PDB file of N, CA and C in Angstrom:
ATOM      1  N   MET A   1       0.818  -1.194   0.000  1.00  0.00           N
ATOM      2  CA  MET A   1       0.000   0.000   0.000  1.00  0.00           C
ATOM      3  C   MET A   1       0.860   1.254   0.000  1.00  0.00           C
ATOM      4  N   GLU A   2       1.902   1.216   0.786  1.00  0.00           N
ATOM      5  CA  GLU A   2       2.792   2.374   0.862  1.00  0.00           C
ATOM      6  C   GLU A   2       3.412   2.673  -0.494  1.00  0.00           C
ATOM      7  N   ARG A   3       3.796   1.633  -1.183  1.00  0.00           N
ATOM      8  CA  ARG A   3       4.460   1.821  -2.467  1.00  0.00           C
ATOM      9  C   ARG A   3       3.485   2.388  -3.506  1.00  0.00           C
ATOM     10  N   ASP A   4       2.218   1.971  -3.453  1.00  0.00           N
ATOM     11  CA  ASP A   4       1.236   2.475  -4.405  1.00  0.00           C
ATOM     12  C   ASP A   4       1.068   3.983  -4.264  1.00  0.00           C
ATOM     13  N   ARG A   5       1.020   4.458  -3.042  1.00  0.00           N
ATOM     14  CA  ARG A   5       0.846   5.885  -2.822  1.00  0.00           C
ATOM     15  C   ARG A   5       2.079   6.654  -3.294  1.00  0.00           C
ATOM     16  N   ASN A   6       3.271   6.110  -3.049  1.00  0.00           N
ATOM     17  CA  ASN A   6       4.484   6.785  -3.483  1.00  0.00           C
ATOM     18  C   ASN A   6       4.584   6.823  -5.004  1.00  0.00           C
ATOM     19  N   ASP A   7       4.179   5.753  -5.669  1.00  0.00           N
ATOM     20  CA  ASP A   7       4.189   5.748  -7.130  1.00  0.00           C
ATOM     21  C   ASP A   7       3.239   6.805  -7.675  1.00  0.00           C
ATOM     22  N   ARG A   8       2.086   6.935  -7.055  1.00  0.00           N
ATOM     23  CA  ARG A   8       1.115   7.927  -7.492  1.00  0.00           C
ATOM     24  C   ARG A   8       1.665   9.339  -7.282  1.00  0.00           C
ATOM     25  N   ASP A   9       2.313   9.560  -6.136  1.00  0.00           N
ATOM     26  CA  ASP A   9       2.895  10.870  -5.861  1.00  0.00           C
ATOM     27  C   ASP A   9       3.995  11.193  -6.858  1.00  0.00           C
ATOM     28  N   ARG A  10       4.777  10.221  -7.209  1.00  0.00           N
ATOM     29  CA  ARG A  10       5.879  10.443  -8.147  1.00  0.00           C
ATOM     30  C   ARG A  10       5.324  10.835  -9.525  1.00  0.00           C
ATOM     31  N   ASN A  11       4.234  10.206  -9.938  1.00  0.00           N
ATOM     32  CA  ASN A  11       3.639  10.546 -11.227  1.00  0.00           C
ATOM     33  C   ASN A  11       3.043  11.947 -11.208  1.00  0.00           C
ATOM     34  N   ASP A  12       2.563  12.396 -10.053  1.00  0.00           N
ATOM     35  CA  ASP A  12       2.012  13.744  -9.958  1.00  0.00           C
ATOM     36  C   ASP A  12       3.100  14.801 -10.064  1.00  0.00           C
ATOM     37  N   LYS A  13       4.304  14.485  -9.625  1.00  0.00           N
ATOM     38  CA  LYS A  13       5.394  15.452  -9.679  1.00  0.00           C
ATOM     39  C   LYS A  13       5.857  15.703 -11.104  1.00  0.00           C
ATOM     40  N   PHE A  14       5.708  14.714 -11.962  1.00  0.00           N
ATOM     41  CA  PHE A  14       6.148  14.829 -13.348  1.00  0.00           C
ATOM     42  C   PHE A  14       4.961  14.611 -14.283  1.00  0.00           C
ATOM     43  N   PRO A  15       4.129  15.629 -14.470  1.00  0.00           N
ATOM     44  CA  PRO A  15       2.959  15.433 -15.330  1.00  0.00           C
ATOM     45  C   PRO A  15       3.375  15.231 -16.789  1.00  0.00           C
ATOM     46  N   GLY A  16       2.615  14.435 -17.468  1.00  0.00           N
ATOM     47  CA  GLY A  16       2.902  14.182 -18.872  1.00  0.00           C
ATOM     48  C   GLY A  16       3.890  13.062 -19.096  1.00  0.00           C
ATOM     49  N   ARG A  17       4.449  12.545 -18.022  1.00  0.00           N
ATOM     50  CA  ARG A  17       5.394  11.437 -18.159  1.00  0.00           C
ATOM     51  C   ARG A  17       4.645  10.134 -17.939  1.00  0.00           C
ATOM     52  N   GLY A  18       4.420   9.452 -18.985  1.00  0.00           N
ATOM     53  CA  GLY A  18       3.754   8.164 -18.881  1.00  0.00           C
ATOM     54  C   GLY A  18       4.527   7.155 -19.693  1.00  0.00           C
ATOM     55  N   PRO A  19       3.876   6.089 -20.044  1.00  0.00           N
ATOM     56  CA  PRO A  19       4.551   5.110 -20.893  1.00  0.00           C
ATOM     57  C   PRO A  19       4.916   5.733 -22.236  1.00  0.00           C
ATOM     58  N   ARG A  20       6.106   5.434 -22.670  1.00  0.00           N
ATOM     59  CA  ARG A  20       6.587   6.005 -23.927  1.00  0.00           C
ATOM     60  C   ARG A  20       5.945   5.301 -25.105  1.00  0.00           C
ATOM     61  N   LYS A  21       5.477   6.056 -26.049  1.00  0.00           N
ATOM     62  CA  LYS A  21       4.913   5.493 -27.267  1.00  0.00           C
ATOM     63  C   LYS A  21       5.902   5.755 -28.385  1.00  0.00           C
ATOM     64  N   SER A  22       6.674   4.746 -28.724  1.00  0.00           N
ATOM     65  CA  SER A  22       7.674   4.921 -29.762  1.00  0.00           C
ATOM     66  C   SER A  22       7.288   4.096 -30.977  1.00  0.00           C
ATOM     67  N   ARG A  23       7.659   4.605 -32.135  1.00  0.00           N
ATOM     68  CA  ARG A  23       7.378   3.888 -33.366  1.00  0.00           C
ATOM     69  C   ARG A  23       8.388   2.765 -33.538  1.00  0.00           C
ATOM     70  N   LYS A  24       7.949   1.724 -34.211  1.00  0.00           N
ATOM     71  CA  LYS A  24       8.845   0.612 -34.496  1.00  0.00           C
ATOM     72  C   LYS A  24       9.839   1.057 -35.555  1.00  0.00           C
ATOM     73  N   LYS A  25      11.117   0.818 -35.292  1.00  0.00           N
ATOM     74  CA  LYS A  25      12.153   1.206 -36.235  1.00  0.00           C
ATOM     75  C   LYS A  25      12.149   0.253 -37.417  1.00  0.00           C
ATOM     76  N   VAL A  26      12.382   0.810 -38.590  1.00  0.00           N
ATOM     77  CA  VAL A  26      12.411   0.006 -39.804  1.00  0.00           C
ATOM     78  C   VAL A  26      13.861  -0.218 -40.192  1.00  0.00           C
ATOM     79  N   CYS A  27      14.164  -1.434 -40.587  1.00  0.00           N
ATOM     80  CA  CYS A  27      15.519  -1.777 -40.997  1.00  0.00           C
ATOM     81  C   CYS A  27      15.877  -0.988 -42.250  1.00  0.00           C
ATOM     82  N   ALA A  28      16.988  -0.274 -42.209  1.00  0.00           N
ATOM     83  CA  ALA A  28      17.406   0.550 -43.347  1.00  0.00           C
ATOM     84  C   ALA A  28      17.782  -0.310 -44.544  1.00  0.00           C
ATOM     85  N   PHE A  29      18.264  -1.495 -44.292  1.00  0.00           N
ATOM     86  CA  PHE A  29      18.666  -2.377 -45.384  1.00  0.00           C
ATOM     87  C   PHE A  29      17.454  -3.037 -46.030  1.00  0.00           C
ATOM     88  N   CYS A  30      16.409  -3.307 -45.255  1.00  0.00           N
ATOM     89  CA  CYS A  30      15.179  -3.854 -45.831  1.00  0.00           C
ATOM     90  C   CYS A  30      14.436  -2.778 -46.621  1.00  0.00           C
ATOM     91  N   ALA A  31      14.520  -1.526 -46.169  1.00  0.00           N
ATOM     92  CA  ALA A  31      13.855  -0.435 -46.874  1.00  0.00           C
ATOM     93  C   ALA A  31      14.480  -0.214 -48.247  1.00  0.00           C
ATOM     94  N   GLU A  32      15.797  -0.323 -48.325  1.00  0.00           N
ATOM     95  CA  GLU A  32      16.492  -0.240 -49.609  1.00  0.00           C
ATOM     96  C   GLU A  32      16.666  -1.668 -50.111  1.00  0.00           C
ATOM     97  N   LYS A  33      15.850  -2.055 -51.057  1.00  0.00           N
ATOM     98  CA  LYS A  33      15.848  -3.449 -51.508  1.00  0.00           C
ATOM     99  C   LYS A  33      17.179  -3.869 -52.124  1.00  0.00           C
ATOM    100  N   ASN A  34      17.856  -2.965 -52.821  1.00  0.00           N
ATOM    101  CA  ASN A  34      19.087  -3.343 -53.511  1.00  0.00           C
ATOM    102  C   ASN A  34      20.336  -3.038 -52.689  1.00  0.00           C
ATOM    103  N   SER A  35      20.174  -2.741 -51.415  1.00  0.00           N
ATOM    104  CA  SER A  35      21.310  -2.422 -50.558  1.00  0.00           C
ATOM    105  C   SER A  35      22.077  -3.689 -50.182  1.00  0.00           C
ATOM    106  N   VAL A  36      23.390  -3.637 -50.355  1.00  0.00           N
ATOM    107  CA  VAL A  36      24.249  -4.769 -50.032  1.00  0.00           C
ATOM    108  C   VAL A  36      25.204  -4.338 -48.924  1.00  0.00           C
ATOM    109  N   ILE A  37      25.402  -5.190 -47.940  1.00  0.00           N
ATOM    110  CA  ILE A  37      26.329  -4.899 -46.851  1.00  0.00           C
ATOM    111  C   ILE A  37      27.699  -5.405 -47.274  1.00  0.00           C
ATOM    112  N   ASP A  38      28.603  -4.466 -47.509  1.00  0.00           N
ATOM    113  CA  ASP A  38      29.932  -4.804 -47.994  1.00  0.00           C
ATOM    114  C   ASP A  38      30.955  -4.406 -46.938  1.00  0.00           C
ATOM    115  N   TYR A  39      31.887  -5.280 -46.652  1.00  0.00           N
ATOM    116  CA  TYR A  39      32.883  -4.997 -45.623  1.00  0.00           C
ATOM    117  C   TYR A  39      33.850  -3.899 -46.050  1.00  0.00           C
ATOM    118  N   LYS A  40      33.915  -3.590 -47.341  1.00  0.00           N
ATOM    119  CA  LYS A  40      34.822  -2.546 -47.823  1.00  0.00           C
ATOM    120  C   LYS A  40      34.189  -1.158 -47.755  1.00  0.00           C
ATOM    121  N   ASP A  41      32.878  -1.089 -47.525  1.00  0.00           N
ATOM    122  CA  ASP A  41      32.174   0.188 -47.426  1.00  0.00           C
ATOM    123  C   ASP A  41      32.264   0.688 -45.980  1.00  0.00           C
ATOM    124  N   VAL A  42      33.380   1.316 -45.668  1.00  0.00           N
ATOM    125  CA  VAL A  42      33.687   1.703 -44.288  1.00  0.00           C
ATOM    126  C   VAL A  42      32.744   2.798 -43.788  1.00  0.00           C
ATOM    127  N   MET A  43      32.359   3.716 -44.645  1.00  0.00           N
ATOM    128  CA  MET A  43      31.488   4.815 -44.203  1.00  0.00           C
ATOM    129  C   MET A  43      30.117   4.288 -43.763  1.00  0.00           C
ATOM    130  N   LYS A  44      29.594   3.314 -44.453  1.00  0.00           N
ATOM    131  CA  LYS A  44      28.307   2.738 -44.067  1.00  0.00           C
ATOM    132  C   LYS A  44      28.443   1.947 -42.765  1.00  0.00           C
ATOM    133  N   LEU A  45      29.548   1.238 -42.614  1.00  0.00           N
ATOM    134  CA  LEU A  45      29.740   0.425 -41.411  1.00  0.00           C
ATOM    135  C   LEU A  45      29.978   1.281 -40.173  1.00  0.00           C
ATOM    136  N   ARG A  46      30.581   2.444 -40.332  1.00  0.00           N
ATOM    137  CA  ARG A  46      30.855   3.318 -39.179  1.00  0.00           C
ATOM    138  C   ARG A  46      29.578   3.816 -38.513  1.00  0.00           C
ATOM    139  N   LYS A  47      28.471   3.868 -39.247  1.00  0.00           N
ATOM    140  CA  LYS A  47      27.195   4.285 -38.664  1.00  0.00           C
ATOM    141  C   LYS A  47      26.730   3.304 -37.590  1.00  0.00           C
ATOM    142  N   TYR A  48      27.182   2.071 -37.685  1.00  0.00           N
ATOM    143  CA  TYR A  48      26.738   1.025 -36.777  1.00  0.00           C
ATOM    144  C   TYR A  48      27.777   0.704 -35.712  1.00  0.00           C
ATOM    145  N   LEU A  49      28.726   1.610 -35.516  1.00  0.00           N
ATOM    146  CA  LEU A  49      29.718   1.493 -34.454  1.00  0.00           C
ATOM    147  C   LEU A  49      29.548   2.659 -33.488  1.00  0.00           C
ATOM    148  N   SER A  50      29.772   2.407 -32.210  1.00  0.00           N
ATOM    149  CA  SER A  50      29.727   3.484 -31.223  1.00  0.00           C
ATOM    150  C   SER A  50      31.031   4.273 -31.283  1.00  0.00           C
ATOM    151  N   GLU A  51      31.130   5.315 -30.477  1.00  0.00           N
ATOM    152  CA  GLU A  51      32.359   6.117 -30.467  1.00  0.00           C
ATOM    153  C   GLU A  51      33.532   5.331 -29.896  1.00  0.00           C
ATOM    154  N   ARG A  52      33.237   4.266 -29.175  1.00  0.00           N
ATOM    155  CA  ARG A  52      34.281   3.389 -28.649  1.00  0.00           C
ATOM    156  C   ARG A  52      34.546   2.198 -29.567  1.00  0.00           C
ATOM    157  N   ALA A  53      34.020   2.248 -30.775  1.00  0.00           N
ATOM    158  CA  ALA A  53      34.194   1.228 -31.823  1.00  0.00           C
ATOM    159  C   ALA A  53      33.531  -0.097 -31.466  1.00  0.00           C
ATOM    160  N   LYS A  54      32.463  -0.047 -30.679  1.00  0.00           N
ATOM    161  CA  LYS A  54      31.691  -1.250 -30.386  1.00  0.00           C
ATOM    162  C   LYS A  54      30.522  -1.326 -31.363  1.00  0.00           C
ATOM    163  N   ILE A  55      30.094  -2.523 -31.680  1.00  0.00           N
ATOM    164  CA  ILE A  55      28.961  -2.706 -32.578  1.00  0.00           C
ATOM    165  C   ILE A  55      27.690  -2.341 -31.817  1.00  0.00           C
ATOM    166  N   VAL A  56      26.887  -1.453 -32.402  1.00  0.00           N
ATOM    167  CA  VAL A  56      25.667  -0.973 -31.763  1.00  0.00           C
ATOM    168  C   VAL A  56      24.587  -2.057 -31.897  1.00  0.00           C
ATOM    169  N   PRO A  57      23.826  -2.349 -30.828  1.00  0.00           N
ATOM    170  CA  PRO A  57      22.839  -3.430 -30.881  1.00  0.00           C
ATOM    171  C   PRO A  57      21.629  -3.108 -31.744  1.00  0.00           C
ATOM    172  N   ARG A  58      20.878  -4.145 -32.059  1.00  0.00           N
ATOM    173  CA  ARG A  58      19.694  -4.031 -32.914  1.00  0.00           C
ATOM    174  C   ARG A  58      18.653  -3.083 -32.357  1.00  0.00           C
ATOM    175  N   ARG A  59      18.440  -3.127 -31.053  1.00  0.00           N
ATOM    176  CA  ARG A  59      17.379  -2.305 -30.473  1.00  0.00           C
ATOM    177  C   ARG A  59      17.658  -0.826 -30.624  1.00  0.00           C
ATOM    178  N   VAL A  60      18.919  -0.465 -30.823  1.00  0.00           N
ATOM    179  CA  VAL A  60      19.285   0.939 -31.016  1.00  0.00           C
ATOM    180  C   VAL A  60      19.236   1.304 -32.496  1.00  0.00           C
ATOM    181  N   THR A  61      19.802   0.458 -33.348  1.00  0.00           N
ATOM    182  CA  THR A  61      19.890   0.775 -34.776  1.00  0.00           C
ATOM    183  C   THR A  61      18.600   0.505 -35.517  1.00  0.00           C
ATOM    184  N   GLY A  62      17.814  -0.468 -35.064  1.00  0.00           N
ATOM    185  CA  GLY A  62      16.566  -0.784 -35.734  1.00  0.00           C
ATOM    186  C   GLY A  62      16.723  -1.765 -36.882  1.00  0.00           C
ATOM    187  N   THR A  63      17.874  -2.374 -37.030  1.00  0.00           N
ATOM    188  CA  THR A  63      18.056  -3.347 -38.100  1.00  0.00           C
ATOM    189  C   THR A  63      17.391  -4.667 -37.726  1.00  0.00           C
ATOM    190  N   CYS A  64      17.011  -5.427 -38.745  1.00  0.00           N
ATOM    191  CA  CYS A  64      16.410  -6.739 -38.497  1.00  0.00           C
ATOM    192  C   CYS A  64      17.516  -7.725 -38.130  1.00  0.00           C
ATOM    193  N   ALA A  65      17.127  -8.899 -37.669  1.00  0.00           N
ATOM    194  CA  ALA A  65      18.103  -9.889 -37.196  1.00  0.00           C
ATOM    195  C   ALA A  65      19.019 -10.344 -38.323  1.00  0.00           C
ATOM    196  N   ARG A  66      18.451 -10.534 -39.490  1.00  0.00           N
ATOM    197  CA  ARG A  66      19.245 -11.002 -40.634  1.00  0.00           C
ATOM    198  C   ARG A  66      20.330 -10.006 -41.006  1.00  0.00           C
ATOM    199  N   HIS A  67      19.949  -8.737 -41.121  1.00  0.00           N
ATOM    200  CA  HIS A  67      20.920  -7.720 -41.513  1.00  0.00           C
ATOM    201  C   HIS A  67      21.888  -7.393 -40.384  1.00  0.00           C
ATOM    202  N   GLN A  68      21.460  -7.548 -39.132  1.00  0.00           N
ATOM    203  CA  GLN A  68      22.383  -7.331 -38.015  1.00  0.00           C
ATOM    204  C   GLN A  68      23.490  -8.379 -38.035  1.00  0.00           C
ATOM    205  N   ARG A  69      23.134  -9.624 -38.354  1.00  0.00           N
ATOM    206  CA  ARG A  69      24.151 -10.673 -38.470  1.00  0.00           C
ATOM    207  C   ARG A  69      25.118 -10.363 -39.605  1.00  0.00           C
ATOM    208  N   GLN A  70      24.591  -9.910 -40.747  1.00  0.00           N
ATOM    209  CA  GLN A  70      25.451  -9.563 -41.879  1.00  0.00           C
ATOM    210  C   GLN A  70      26.349  -8.379 -41.536  1.00  0.00           C
ATOM    211  N   LEU A  71      25.797  -7.406 -40.821  1.00  0.00           N
ATOM    212  CA  LEU A  71      26.587  -6.250 -40.383  1.00  0.00           C
ATOM    213  C   LEU A  71      27.728  -6.684 -39.469  1.00  0.00           C
ATOM    214  N   THR A  72      27.430  -7.556 -38.532  1.00  0.00           N
ATOM    215  CA  THR A  72      28.450  -8.027 -37.595  1.00  0.00           C
ATOM    216  C   THR A  72      29.586  -8.723 -38.324  1.00  0.00           C
ATOM    217  N   ILE A  73      29.236  -9.567 -39.279  1.00  0.00           N
ATOM    218  CA  ILE A  73      30.263 -10.272 -40.052  1.00  0.00           C
ATOM    219  C   ILE A  73      31.094  -9.284 -40.855  1.00  0.00           C
ATOM    220  N   ALA A  74      30.428  -8.304 -41.488  1.00  0.00           N
ATOM    221  CA  ALA A  74      31.144  -7.321 -42.305  1.00  0.00           C
ATOM    222  C   ALA A  74      32.074  -6.463 -41.448  1.00  0.00           C
ATOM    223  N   ILE A  75      31.617  -6.056 -40.265  1.00  0.00           N
ATOM    224  CA  ILE A  75      32.445  -5.236 -39.373  1.00  0.00           C
ATOM    225  C   ILE A  75      33.652  -6.033 -38.895  1.00  0.00           C
ATOM    226  N   LYS A  76      33.443  -7.295 -38.563  1.00  0.00           N
ATOM    227  CA  LYS A  76      34.558  -8.124 -38.104  1.00  0.00           C
ATOM    228  C   LYS A  76      35.569  -8.367 -39.213  1.00  0.00           C
ATOM    229  N   ARG A  77      35.095  -8.535 -40.445  1.00  0.00           N
ATOM    230  CA  ARG A  77      36.017  -8.682 -41.577  1.00  0.00           C
ATOM    231  C   ARG A  77      36.814  -7.406 -41.798  1.00  0.00           C
ATOM    232  N   ALA A  78      36.129  -6.259 -41.730  1.00  0.00           N
ATOM    233  CA  ALA A  78      36.809  -4.980 -41.926  1.00  0.00           C
ATOM    234  C   ALA A  78      37.829  -4.731 -40.818  1.00  0.00           C
ATOM    235  N   ARG A  79      37.530  -5.148 -39.611  1.00  0.00           N
ATOM    236  CA  ARG A  79      38.493  -5.016 -38.516  1.00  0.00           C
ATOM    237  C   ARG A  79      39.706  -5.914 -38.750  1.00  0.00           C
ATOM    238  N   HIS A  80      39.453  -7.106 -39.250  1.00  0.00           N
ATOM    239  CA  HIS A  80      40.536  -8.071 -39.448  1.00  0.00           C
ATOM    240  C   HIS A  80      41.561  -7.577 -40.466  1.00  0.00           C
ATOM    241  N   ILE A  81      41.100  -6.871 -41.499  1.00  0.00           N
ATOM    242  CA  ILE A  81      42.046  -6.356 -42.499  1.00  0.00           C
ATOM    243  C   ILE A  81      42.360  -4.881 -42.269  1.00  0.00           C
ATOM    244  N   ALA A  82      42.091  -4.394 -41.067  1.00  0.00           N
ATOM    245  CA  ALA A  82      42.478  -3.056 -40.593  1.00  0.00           C
ATOM    246  C   ALA A  82      41.799  -1.913 -41.327  1.00  0.00           C
ATOM    247  N   LEU A  83      40.569  -2.120 -41.797  1.00  0.00           N
ATOM    248  CA  LEU A  83      39.797  -1.005 -42.335  1.00  0.00           C
ATOM    249  C   LEU A  83      39.065  -0.265 -41.218  1.00  0.00           C
ATOM    250  N   LEU A  84      38.721  -0.991 -40.164  1.00  0.00           N
ATOM    251  CA  LEU A  84      38.056  -0.417 -38.995  1.00  0.00           C
ATOM    252  C   LEU A  84      38.870  -0.759 -37.748  1.00  0.00           C
ATOM    253  N   PRO A  85      38.815   0.100 -36.723  1.00  0.00           N
ATOM    254  CA  PRO A  85      39.566  -0.192 -35.496  1.00  0.00           C
ATOM    255  C   PRO A  85      38.826  -1.191 -34.602  1.00  0.00           C
ATOM    256  N   TYR A  86      39.582  -1.935 -33.829  1.00  0.00           N
ATOM    257  CA  TYR A  86      38.987  -2.803 -32.816  1.00  0.00           C
ATOM    258  C   TYR A  86      38.540  -1.976 -31.617  1.00  0.00           C
ATOM    259  N   ILE A  87      39.362  -1.001 -31.236  1.00  0.00           N
ATOM    260  CA  ILE A  87      39.027  -0.106 -30.135  1.00  0.00           C
ATOM    261  C   ILE A  87      39.326   1.316 -30.563  1.00  0.00           C
ATOM    262  N   SER A  88      38.704   2.251 -29.876  1.00  0.00           N
ATOM    263  CA  SER A  88      38.931   3.660 -30.170  1.00  0.00           C
ATOM    264  C   SER A  88      39.893   4.241 -29.138  1.00  0.00           C
ATOM    265  N   ASP A  89      40.685   5.183 -29.551  1.00  0.00           N
ATOM    266  CA  ASP A  89      41.636   5.815 -28.629  1.00  0.00           C
ATOM    267  C   ASP A  89      41.004   6.925 -27.837  1.00  0.00           C
TER     268      ASP A  89
END
């Protein structure tokens, strides 16, 4: 009971803050039917890396599972031949 009242009070302090209604992200590669994920296309692959050179997860980028797997393979290949860094300085 105590917790219910505190939750209600907290919601009153921040009006307009409720459950977030976000749109479902569409995979950029599915939207472009002829788009190919190439490990040599470094500029396209950099969009899917964080500033620390980590691969950004699907829930952030909005890519589908199939294209996320292809992206991961392409990024790892590009790292292996030194087109992309493993870590950022």
